[in-house]
Protein backbone atom coordinates (compact mmCIF):
# COMPACT_ATOMS: atom_id res chain seq x y z
CA MET A 1 -6.34 -20.42 -6.85
CA ALA A 2 -8.11 -20.57 -10.19
CA ARG A 3 -6.51 -19.02 -13.24
CA PRO A 4 -8.34 -16.15 -14.99
CA THR A 5 -10.82 -17.02 -17.73
CA PRO A 6 -10.79 -15.37 -21.17
CA LYS A 7 -13.79 -13.29 -20.00
CA ASP A 8 -11.76 -12.18 -16.94
CA LEU A 9 -8.92 -11.07 -19.20
CA GLU A 10 -11.36 -9.20 -21.45
CA THR A 11 -12.85 -7.39 -18.42
CA LYS A 12 -9.35 -6.49 -17.21
CA ALA A 13 -8.41 -5.11 -20.65
CA VAL A 14 -11.57 -2.95 -20.75
CA LEU A 15 -10.89 -1.55 -17.27
CA ASP A 16 -7.18 -0.98 -18.00
CA ALA A 17 -8.03 0.93 -21.21
CA ALA A 18 -10.63 3.04 -19.42
CA ALA A 19 -8.25 3.83 -16.54
CA THR A 20 -5.50 4.82 -18.99
CA ALA A 21 -7.86 7.11 -20.91
CA LEU A 22 -9.15 8.75 -17.73
CA ARG A 23 -5.65 9.32 -16.33
CA ALA A 24 -4.68 10.99 -19.60
CA GLY A 25 -7.73 13.25 -19.35
CA LYS A 26 -9.32 11.70 -22.42
CA PRO A 27 -12.99 10.77 -22.64
CA ILE A 28 -14.01 7.16 -22.99
CA PRO A 29 -15.24 6.67 -26.57
CA ALA A 30 -19.03 6.32 -26.82
CA ALA A 31 -18.65 2.88 -28.41
CA ASP A 32 -16.72 1.63 -25.35
CA ARG A 33 -18.90 3.14 -22.59
CA ALA A 34 -21.31 0.20 -22.33
CA ALA A 35 -18.41 -2.27 -22.02
CA VAL A 36 -16.78 -0.11 -19.33
CA ALA A 37 -20.08 0.18 -17.42
CA ASP A 38 -20.59 -3.60 -17.65
CA ALA A 39 -17.04 -4.21 -16.38
CA ILE A 40 -17.58 -1.85 -13.43
CA ASP A 41 -20.91 -3.51 -12.61
CA LEU A 42 -19.19 -6.90 -12.65
CA VAL A 43 -16.41 -5.77 -10.32
CA LEU A 44 -18.93 -4.25 -7.91
CA SER A 45 -21.17 -7.34 -7.95
CA PRO A 46 -20.72 -10.42 -5.74
CA LYS A 47 -18.72 -11.92 -8.63
CA GLY A 48 -16.18 -9.08 -8.34
CA MET A 49 -14.05 -10.49 -5.52
CA PRO A 50 -13.54 -13.90 -7.17
CA LEU A 51 -12.68 -12.08 -10.43
CA ILE A 52 -10.08 -9.97 -8.66
CA GLY A 53 -8.69 -13.07 -6.97
CA ARG A 54 -8.28 -14.80 -10.31
CA LEU A 55 -6.62 -11.73 -11.82
CA GLN A 56 -4.15 -11.62 -8.92
CA THR A 57 -2.68 -14.88 -10.20
CA LEU A 58 -1.37 -12.88 -13.18
CA ARG A 59 1.13 -11.06 -10.97
CA ASP A 60 4.71 -11.61 -11.96
CA GLU A 61 5.84 -14.83 -10.29
CA ASP A 62 9.31 -13.33 -9.75
CA ALA A 63 7.86 -10.38 -7.87
CA SER A 64 7.19 -12.32 -4.69
CA THR A 65 6.10 -10.37 -1.68
CA THR A 66 6.91 -10.74 1.97
CA ASN A 67 4.91 -9.83 5.02
CA VAL A 68 6.31 -6.98 7.09
CA ALA A 69 4.52 -6.87 10.45
CA ILE A 70 4.81 -3.41 12.00
CA ARG A 71 3.93 -3.08 15.69
CA MET A 72 2.15 0.21 16.41
CA PRO A 73 -0.65 1.71 18.50
CA ILE A 74 -4.03 0.53 17.26
CA ASP A 75 -5.31 4.10 16.87
CA LEU A 76 -2.40 4.88 14.52
CA ARG A 77 -2.94 1.64 12.58
CA GLU A 78 -6.64 2.34 12.11
CA HIS A 79 -5.92 5.96 11.13
CA LEU A 80 -3.43 4.85 8.45
CA LYS A 81 -5.87 2.28 7.07
CA LYS A 82 -8.68 4.85 6.97
CA GLN A 83 -6.55 7.50 5.27
CA ALA A 84 -5.20 5.03 2.68
CA ALA A 85 -8.73 3.85 1.88
CA ALA A 86 -9.88 7.46 1.50
CA ALA A 87 -6.99 8.03 -0.92
CA HIS A 88 -7.87 4.82 -2.83
CA ALA A 89 -4.40 3.51 -2.01
CA THR A 90 -3.16 0.31 -0.44
CA LEU A 91 -0.74 0.34 2.44
CA SER A 92 1.26 -2.44 0.75
CA ASP A 93 1.73 -0.25 -2.34
CA ASP A 94 2.67 2.65 -0.06
CA ALA A 95 5.19 0.36 1.66
CA ALA A 96 6.76 -0.46 -1.70
CA ASP A 97 6.88 3.28 -2.52
CA ALA A 98 8.52 3.95 0.87
CA LEU A 99 11.24 1.36 0.35
CA THR A 100 11.87 2.48 -3.22
CA ALA A 101 12.17 6.13 -2.17
CA PHE A 102 14.57 5.14 0.63
CA ILE A 103 16.71 2.98 -1.68
CA ASP A 104 16.85 5.81 -4.24
CA GLY A 105 17.90 8.29 -1.53
CA LYS A 106 14.72 10.34 -1.93
CA PHE A 107 13.38 9.58 1.55
CA ALA A 108 15.18 9.65 4.88
CA PRO A 109 13.09 8.37 7.78
CA VAL A 110 13.14 10.31 11.00
CA LYS A 111 13.74 8.07 13.98
CA GLN A 112 10.47 7.84 15.87
CA GLN A 113 10.59 8.41 19.59
CA ARG A 114 8.94 5.70 21.62
CA ALA A 115 5.86 6.94 23.38
CA PRO A 116 5.83 6.66 27.15
CA ARG A 117 4.16 3.51 28.38
CA ALA A 118 0.44 4.13 28.73
CA ALA A 119 -1.65 3.06 31.67
CA ALA A 120 -2.93 -0.50 31.38
CA GLY A 121 -6.42 -0.78 29.99
CA THR A 122 -6.42 2.58 28.21
CA SER A 123 -6.87 2.84 24.46
CA ALA A 124 -3.35 4.29 24.20
CA ALA A 125 -1.95 1.09 25.72
CA LYS A 126 -3.39 -1.09 22.96
CA SER A 127 -1.12 -1.98 20.09
CA GLY A 128 -1.28 -4.35 17.19
CA ASN A 129 0.38 -5.20 13.93
CA LEU A 130 -0.02 -3.40 10.65
CA ASN A 131 0.79 -6.03 8.03
CA VAL A 132 2.00 -4.90 4.63
CA THR A 133 3.34 -7.02 1.79
CA PRO A 134 5.93 -5.19 -0.30
CA PRO A 135 8.07 -7.04 -2.85
CA ALA A 136 10.65 -9.19 -1.09
CA ASP A 137 13.49 -7.81 -3.20
CA LEU A 138 12.70 -4.25 -2.05
CA VAL A 139 12.87 -5.31 1.60
CA GLU A 140 16.27 -6.89 0.98
CA ARG A 141 17.56 -3.87 -0.94
CA ALA A 142 16.31 -1.51 1.79
CA LEU A 143 18.25 -3.51 4.40
CA HIS A 144 21.44 -3.08 2.36
CA ALA A 145 20.71 0.62 1.78
CA SER A 146 20.26 1.05 5.55
CA GLU A 147 23.69 -0.42 6.16
CA ASP A 148 25.16 1.98 3.60
CA ARG A 149 23.41 5.04 5.09
CA ILE A 150 24.14 4.55 8.81
CA GLN A 151 26.60 7.48 8.87
CA GLU A 152 24.24 9.79 6.97
CA LEU A 153 21.19 8.96 9.09
CA GLY A 154 22.86 8.42 12.46
CA TRP A 155 20.97 5.15 12.91
CA MET A 156 20.10 2.03 10.95
CA PRO A 157 16.40 1.91 10.15
CA ARG A 158 14.75 -1.44 9.57
CA PRO A 159 12.26 -1.74 6.69
CA SER A 160 9.44 -1.42 9.24
CA ASN A 161 10.92 1.90 10.46
CA ILE A 162 11.15 3.20 6.91
CA ILE A 163 7.59 2.21 6.09
CA THR A 164 6.17 3.62 9.34
CA ALA A 165 7.91 6.97 8.89
CA TYR A 166 6.76 7.20 5.27
CA LEU A 167 3.15 6.38 6.15
CA ILE A 168 3.11 8.96 8.93
CA ASP A 169 4.61 11.55 6.57
CA LYS A 170 1.97 10.74 3.97
CA TYR A 171 -1.14 10.31 6.15
CA GLY A 172 -0.28 12.06 9.42
CA ARG A 173 -1.16 10.83 12.88
CA PRO A 174 -4.65 10.40 14.33
CA ASP A 175 -4.24 13.56 16.42
CA ASP A 176 -3.03 15.60 13.44
CA THR A 177 -6.12 17.60 12.44
CA SER A 178 -4.55 18.70 9.17
CA THR A 179 -5.03 15.23 7.63
CA GLU A 180 -8.62 14.57 8.68
């Protein structure tokens, strides 16, 4: 993939500064507003996706990610994706948060009960993978933390169990009307 251009880095710096100011509750200075508007227009234009792709190459090379494929009912998968999008979050970032909270002892996943097998051909019978890409080191550390917490939890959750429980806690289930 192509490396970011100097213009890409300038656009990123403008957006980073604007995001920092907005999170701190500060207004964007009048002198910077046109540059921020231009940067937003660029990101939202057809040139935005290639720009984002080039900026992704700046990620720390040591922070490699790994795919965690989580088998779940399709209706739950689609619900989680929809809720994350509505919250302007990514499920991969949520997965990293889940593993970090588990490692730090701030989150204990509840063992999910398997649903009874649904009748063939029904929507409840359809399942698929939710793929998330947390940092590989977090997955490894969560595996070790699971081994250390077997007595406390009464079971040994895999990273996929931890992530699933966290996502359900955060976004609810499709039949949970309190999250829609």
